[in-house]
Amino acid sequence: MVELTKENFDAQVTDAEGAVLVDFWSPGCGPCRAMEPVLEAAAARHPEVRFAKLNAADYPDIAWAFKVVSVPTLVLFREGVPVDEIVGAVPAQRIEELLAEGVREGGGA
């Protein structure tokens, strides 16, 4: 999973081709930590999708730009455009549904 910063966000997400799933998280967030293994497993199952994470506490301006007001929030980008999101900790099946739709609609890293 790619660690996002202000310096690499555009290259890794908004200028990227295909599907990118960004995990907006924070270090003090218990649900965020619970989502880590779920997202790592999803990344292993979906090499066609780029997985990345952004510490919203370190980069609140980026989080706010995408209307992220609660963590964890997962935002699916397709061709650099946010197309769907999930707010809160969710089961793996919900992430699979989000990715299936994202890839079907033309995603792919």
Protein backbone atom coordinates (compact mmCIF):
# COMPACT_ATOMS: atom_id res chain seq x y z
CA MET A 1 0.00 0.00 0.00
CA VAL A 2 1.43 3.36 -1.05
CA GLU A 3 1.89 5.98 1.68
CA LEU A 4 0.55 9.25 0.34
CA THR A 5 1.92 12.70 1.09
CA LYS A 6 1.28 16.19 -0.23
CA GLU A 7 4.25 15.68 -2.55
CA ASN A 8 3.10 12.42 -4.18
CA PHE A 9 -0.72 12.61 -3.97
CA ASP A 10 -1.28 13.94 -7.49
CA ALA A 11 1.12 11.47 -9.13
CA GLN A 12 -0.28 8.49 -7.21
CA VAL A 13 -3.99 9.40 -7.27
CA THR A 14 -5.33 12.35 -9.27
CA ASP A 15 -2.98 11.91 -12.23
CA ALA A 16 -3.09 8.10 -12.10
CA GLU A 17 -4.70 5.89 -14.69
CA GLY A 18 -7.14 3.21 -13.61
CA ALA A 19 -8.60 2.57 -10.19
CA VAL A 20 -7.03 3.80 -6.95
CA LEU A 21 -8.52 3.11 -3.51
CA VAL A 22 -7.38 5.68 -0.95
CA ASP A 23 -7.71 4.97 2.76
CA PHE A 24 -8.01 8.25 4.67
CA TRP A 25 -6.98 7.29 8.21
CA SER A 26 -5.51 8.65 11.43
CA PRO A 27 -3.05 7.04 13.88
CA GLY A 28 -5.32 7.44 16.92
CA CYS A 29 -8.30 5.85 15.19
CA GLY A 30 -9.16 2.33 16.41
CA PRO A 31 -11.47 1.54 13.47
CA CYS A 32 -8.70 2.68 11.12
CA ARG A 33 -6.29 0.17 12.65
CA ALA A 34 -8.97 -2.54 12.40
CA MET A 35 -9.29 -1.86 8.66
CA GLU A 36 -5.56 -2.29 7.95
CA PRO A 37 -5.55 -6.10 7.57
CA VAL A 38 -8.83 -6.01 5.63
CA LEU A 39 -7.35 -3.54 3.15
CA GLU A 40 -4.06 -5.43 2.90
CA ALA A 41 -5.98 -8.63 2.05
CA ALA A 42 -8.08 -6.77 -0.53
CA ALA A 43 -4.93 -5.33 -2.09
CA ALA A 44 -3.48 -8.84 -2.41
CA ARG A 45 -6.68 -10.02 -4.15
CA HIS A 46 -6.87 -7.02 -6.50
CA PRO A 47 -3.56 -6.26 -8.22
CA GLU A 48 -5.54 -4.31 -10.84
CA VAL A 49 -6.30 -1.62 -8.25
CA ARG A 50 -3.71 0.65 -6.65
CA PHE A 51 -4.16 0.85 -2.86
CA ALA A 52 -2.92 3.91 -1.02
CA LYS A 53 -3.32 5.52 2.39
CA LEU A 54 -3.24 9.10 3.55
CA ASN A 55 -2.86 10.16 7.15
CA ALA A 56 -5.69 12.70 7.38
CA ALA A 57 -4.23 14.12 10.61
CA ASP A 58 -1.01 15.02 8.80
CA TYR A 59 -2.71 16.27 5.62
CA PRO A 60 -6.10 17.70 6.61
CA ASP A 61 -6.13 19.99 3.57
CA ILE A 62 -6.12 17.00 1.22
CA ALA A 63 -8.78 15.19 3.24
CA TRP A 64 -10.95 18.29 3.27
CA ALA A 65 -10.53 18.73 -0.51
CA PHE A 66 -12.31 15.38 -0.92
CA LYS A 67 -14.89 16.16 1.79
CA VAL A 68 -13.46 13.58 4.18
CA VAL A 69 -14.70 14.58 7.62
CA SER A 70 -14.51 11.21 9.38
CA VAL A 71 -11.94 8.42 9.41
CA PRO A 72 -11.68 5.82 8.21
CA THR A 73 -13.00 6.88 4.84
CA LEU A 74 -12.20 4.91 1.69
CA VAL A 75 -12.45 6.85 -1.57
CA LEU A 76 -12.34 5.04 -4.89
CA PHE A 77 -10.81 7.11 -7.67
CA ARG A 78 -11.12 6.19 -11.33
CA GLU A 79 -8.85 8.02 -13.77
CA GLY A 80 -8.11 10.53 -11.00
CA VAL A 81 -11.76 11.31 -10.21
CA PRO A 82 -13.46 10.23 -6.97
CA VAL A 83 -16.36 7.96 -7.93
CA ASP A 84 -17.44 6.27 -4.70
CA GLU A 85 -16.68 6.15 -1.01
CA ILE A 86 -17.21 4.18 2.16
CA VAL A 87 -17.23 5.90 5.55
CA GLY A 88 -16.38 3.91 8.64
CA ALA A 89 -15.05 0.44 9.29
CA VAL A 90 -16.81 -2.12 7.11
CA PRO A 91 -16.57 -5.85 6.44
CA ALA A 92 -14.38 -7.14 3.63
CA GLN A 93 -17.45 -7.94 1.53
CA ARG A 94 -18.39 -4.26 1.31
CA ILE A 95 -14.91 -3.41 0.02
CA GLU A 96 -15.19 -6.22 -2.52
CA GLU A 97 -18.48 -4.75 -3.77
CA LEU A 98 -16.92 -1.29 -4.11
CA LEU A 99 -13.92 -2.66 -6.01
CA ALA A 100 -16.02 -4.86 -8.28
CA GLU A 101 -17.97 -1.82 -9.38
CA GLY A 102 -14.85 0.31 -9.75
CA VAL A 103 -13.01 -2.21 -11.87
CA ARG A 104 -16.10 -3.04 -13.95
CA GLU A 105 -16.47 0.66 -14.80
CA GLY A 106 -13.03 0.79 -16.38
CA GLY A 107 -10.59 0.78 -13.49
CA GLY A 108 -7.23 -0.91 -13.37
CA ALA A 109 -3.85 0.25 -12.15
